[in-house]
Protein backbone atom coordinates (compact mmCIF):
# COMPACT_ATOMS: atom_id res chain seq x y z
CA MET A 1 61.63 101.05 108.12
CA ALA A 2 62.88 103.55 105.48
CA LYS A 3 66.50 104.69 105.21
CA HIS A 4 67.34 107.77 107.18
CA THR A 5 67.80 110.45 104.42
CA GLY A 6 68.74 113.33 107.04
CA LYS A 7 72.13 114.21 108.56
CA VAL A 8 74.28 111.92 110.53
CA PHE A 9 76.76 113.11 112.87
CA CYS A 10 79.19 111.15 114.97
CA VAL A 11 79.75 113.04 118.25
CA GLY A 12 82.09 110.47 119.92
CA ARG A 13 85.37 111.89 120.93
CA ASN A 14 88.33 111.46 118.66
CA LYS A 15 89.89 107.82 119.20
CA THR A 16 86.54 106.32 119.80
CA GLY A 17 86.48 104.71 116.24
CA THR A 18 85.29 107.78 114.34
CA THR A 19 87.54 106.99 111.39
CA SER A 20 85.79 103.53 111.07
CA ILE A 21 82.30 105.04 111.56
CA GLU A 22 83.29 107.27 108.53
CA GLN A 23 84.12 104.45 106.40
CA ALA A 24 81.16 102.33 107.47
CA LEU A 25 78.78 105.29 106.86
CA GLY A 26 80.43 105.95 103.41
CA SER A 27 79.93 102.40 102.43
CA LEU A 28 76.07 103.06 103.22
CA GLY A 29 75.91 105.95 101.01
CA TYR A 30 76.68 108.94 103.36
CA ARG A 31 78.92 111.79 102.18
CA PHE A 32 81.15 113.46 104.77
CA SER A 33 82.47 116.97 105.05
CA VAL A 34 86.20 117.27 104.69
CA GLN A 35 87.81 116.74 107.95
CA ASN A 36 90.46 119.37 107.86
CA GLN A 37 87.95 122.10 106.85
CA GLY A 38 86.12 121.13 110.03
CA GLU A 39 89.28 121.30 112.10
CA ARG A 40 90.09 124.76 110.80
CA LEU A 41 86.88 125.84 112.44
CA LEU A 42 88.36 125.29 115.92
CA ASP A 43 88.46 129.05 116.62
CA ASP A 44 84.71 129.41 115.73
CA TRP A 45 84.02 126.59 118.29
CA ILE A 46 85.94 128.32 120.87
CA ARG A 47 83.94 131.32 120.43
CA ARG A 48 80.76 129.16 120.29
CA ASP A 49 80.10 130.69 116.95
CA PHE A 50 78.62 127.76 115.07
CA ARG A 51 77.53 129.61 111.78
CA ARG A 52 80.21 128.34 109.62
CA ILE A 53 80.14 124.93 111.38
CA VAL A 54 76.42 124.68 110.43
CA GLU A 55 77.26 125.84 106.73
CA LEU A 56 80.01 122.74 106.53
CA ALA A 57 77.46 120.44 107.62
CA ARG A 58 74.96 121.82 105.37
CA GLY A 59 77.00 120.64 102.45
CA ALA A 60 77.36 116.93 103.44
CA ASP A 61 75.37 113.95 104.66
CA ALA A 62 77.61 113.33 107.77
CA GLY A 63 80.36 114.68 109.95
CA GLN A 64 82.87 113.31 112.54
CA ASP A 65 85.77 114.34 114.61
CA ILE A 66 86.53 118.10 115.24
CA PRO A 67 84.12 120.16 115.47
CA TYR A 68 81.35 117.41 115.61
CA SER A 69 82.81 115.67 118.46
CA LEU A 70 83.22 118.69 120.80
CA PRO A 71 80.79 119.77 123.42
CA TYR A 72 77.92 122.18 122.35
CA THR A 73 78.40 121.45 118.67
CA TYR A 74 75.53 118.73 118.76
CA GLN A 75 73.13 121.04 120.31
CA ALA A 76 73.68 123.55 117.33
CA LEU A 77 73.45 120.82 114.81
CA ASP A 78 70.32 119.43 116.50
CA GLU A 79 68.66 122.93 116.19
CA ALA A 80 69.93 123.70 112.72
CA PHE A 81 69.02 120.24 111.29
CA PRO A 82 65.84 118.93 113.06
CA GLY A 83 65.53 115.07 112.74
CA SER A 84 69.12 114.28 112.35
CA LYS A 85 70.63 111.18 113.93
CA PHE A 86 73.61 111.30 116.26
CA ILE A 87 76.13 108.45 117.12
CA LEU A 88 78.01 108.56 120.25
CA THR A 89 81.07 106.16 119.83
CA LEU A 90 82.64 104.95 122.95
CA ARG A 91 85.56 102.64 123.99
CA ASP A 92 85.44 99.99 126.60
CA SER A 93 86.49 102.41 129.16
CA PRO A 94 87.75 105.96 129.75
CA GLU A 95 91.20 104.45 130.41
CA GLN A 96 91.28 102.65 127.13
CA TRP A 97 90.35 105.95 125.45
CA TYR A 98 92.95 107.81 127.22
CA ASP A 99 95.74 105.50 126.46
CA SER A 100 94.86 105.35 122.77
CA LEU A 101 94.74 109.20 122.47
CA VAL A 102 98.14 109.46 124.10
CA ARG A 103 99.53 106.76 122.08
CA PHE A 104 98.43 108.35 118.76
CA HIS A 105 99.78 111.77 119.68
CA SER A 106 103.11 110.16 120.67
CA GLN A 107 103.29 108.32 117.37
CA LEU A 108 102.28 111.61 115.43
CA MET A 109 105.04 113.59 117.26
CA LYS A 110 107.42 110.62 117.12
CA THR A 111 108.22 110.84 120.91
CA GLY A 112 108.59 107.17 121.41
CA GLU A 113 107.34 105.81 124.70
CA ARG A 114 107.45 109.46 126.23
CA ARG A 115 104.16 111.20 126.57
CA PRO A 116 104.24 114.52 124.47
CA GLY A 117 104.78 117.71 126.31
CA ALA A 118 103.70 121.33 125.62
CA ALA A 119 106.97 122.02 123.63
CA ASP A 120 106.20 119.11 121.30
CA LEU A 121 102.73 120.25 120.54
CA LYS A 122 103.56 123.88 120.08
CA LYS A 123 106.22 123.09 117.30
CA LEU A 124 103.93 120.52 115.49
CA ASN A 125 102.79 122.11 112.26
CA TYR A 126 99.27 120.53 111.69
CA LEU A 127 96.84 122.80 109.87
CA SER A 128 99.00 125.71 111.36
CA PRO A 129 101.85 125.72 113.87
CA GLY A 130 100.69 124.94 117.28
CA TRP A 131 97.16 123.89 116.29
CA LEU A 132 97.19 120.65 118.25
CA TYR A 133 98.33 122.59 121.33
CA ARG A 134 95.59 125.08 121.06
CA ALA A 135 93.05 122.47 120.56
CA GLN A 136 94.15 120.45 123.73
CA CYS A 137 93.90 123.62 126.04
CA ALA A 138 90.59 124.79 124.41
CA VAL A 139 88.89 121.47 124.63
CA TYR A 140 90.30 120.02 127.88
CA GLY A 141 90.89 123.29 129.74
CA VAL A 142 94.60 122.36 130.57
CA ASP A 143 97.73 124.35 130.59
CA ASP A 144 101.30 123.32 130.18
CA GLU A 145 101.52 121.83 133.36
CA HIS A 146 98.32 119.69 133.09
CA LEU A 147 98.63 118.61 129.48
CA TYR A 148 97.46 115.05 129.16
CA ASP A 149 96.69 114.79 132.90
CA PRO A 150 94.77 111.51 132.90
CA ASP A 151 92.33 112.63 135.59
CA ILE A 152 91.31 115.69 133.56
CA TYR A 153 91.18 113.84 130.40
CA MET A 154 89.04 110.85 131.44
CA ARG A 155 86.66 113.13 133.51
CA HIS A 156 86.05 115.05 130.20
CA TYR A 157 85.36 111.95 128.16
CA ALA A 158 82.96 110.74 130.88
CA VAL A 159 81.28 114.03 131.26
CA HIS A 160 80.83 114.47 127.60
CA ALA A 161 79.32 110.97 127.17
CA TYR A 162 76.95 111.80 129.99
CA ASN A 163 75.97 115.05 128.55
CA VAL A 164 75.14 113.71 125.14
CA THR A 165 73.08 110.89 126.53
CA GLU A 166 71.19 112.96 128.94
CA TYR A 167 70.54 115.61 126.07
CA PHE A 168 68.86 112.93 123.96
CA ARG A 169 67.38 110.98 126.92
CA PHE A 170 63.75 111.37 125.70
CA ARG A 171 64.43 110.99 122.09
CA PRO A 172 66.29 107.55 122.01
CA GLY A 173 65.51 107.32 118.08
CA GLN A 174 67.90 110.06 117.41
CA LEU A 175 70.86 108.80 119.51
CA LEU A 176 72.84 105.56 118.96
CA VAL A 177 75.57 104.78 121.68
CA LEU A 178 77.93 102.45 119.98
CA ASN A 179 81.07 100.63 120.78
CA LEU A 180 82.73 99.41 117.86
CA SER A 181 84.20 96.48 119.48
CA ASP A 182 80.79 95.03 119.76
CA PRO A 183 80.50 92.22 117.26
CA GLU A 184 77.03 93.48 116.33
CA ALA A 185 78.08 97.00 115.90
CA MET A 186 77.47 97.27 112.13
CA GLN A 187 73.94 95.63 112.56
CA GLN A 188 73.20 98.12 115.33
CA LEU A 189 74.33 100.93 112.98
CA CYS A 190 72.21 99.85 110.17
CA GLY A 191 69.12 99.24 112.17
CA PHE A 192 69.59 102.82 113.63
CA LEU A 193 69.53 104.27 110.16
CA GLY A 194 66.74 102.08 108.72
CA ILE A 195 69.09 100.09 106.31
CA GLU A 196 68.78 96.39 105.66
CA PHE A 197 71.75 94.74 107.12
CA GLY A 198 73.72 92.55 104.88
CA GLY A 199 75.98 90.73 107.12
CA GLN A 200 78.84 93.04 106.37
CA GLY A 201 81.41 93.71 109.35
CA MET A 202 82.36 97.12 110.96
CA PRO A 203 85.65 98.36 109.39
CA HIS A 204 88.24 98.82 112.08
CA LEU A 205 90.87 101.38 110.99
CA ASN A 206 93.73 102.66 113.21
CA ARG A 207 93.35 99.25 115.18
CA SER A 208 96.68 99.61 116.63
CA MET A 209 95.92 102.91 118.21
């Protein structure tokens, strides 16, 4: 099996091991688009305008996190780059993913054990003031009252996983569903990409999150 030389997109939600996937794919020779350039296209995604997202992807071998991890983006990329490979990273459960996401945001905003609130997100200056707040509202459909509502977030996580797997249901060679806690995760990744597995382990970054 020859090495896959087309595009590779990680479409798992943030906090499912996407940073580790980026490092793993980088070690296999794939070049990623710059993450904050993709995040700056959030408003394009909100409008479902994928033209600049496609152009960003065109200049690299692979992509992960926003906007690649968001609903609808994988359909646009699949159409723009036929034959691309997609990786859906998952955690052991929606609960584990949700806890990791909230813990990461709490650390980012230094709220300690307290779950961040709308005021915390609105004053955070990442990319631009309030960017993370707008992202939460746009992606999860929440408002100030329902920010980090566990039922809403975990349902979104589950629906996203279902929609991705359903979209590629009859094209299994294009989608790898991967849990990075699986001891054979790196071997599965190499096999999916047609790369000889040399016994290397999957990197695990941000393990505490």
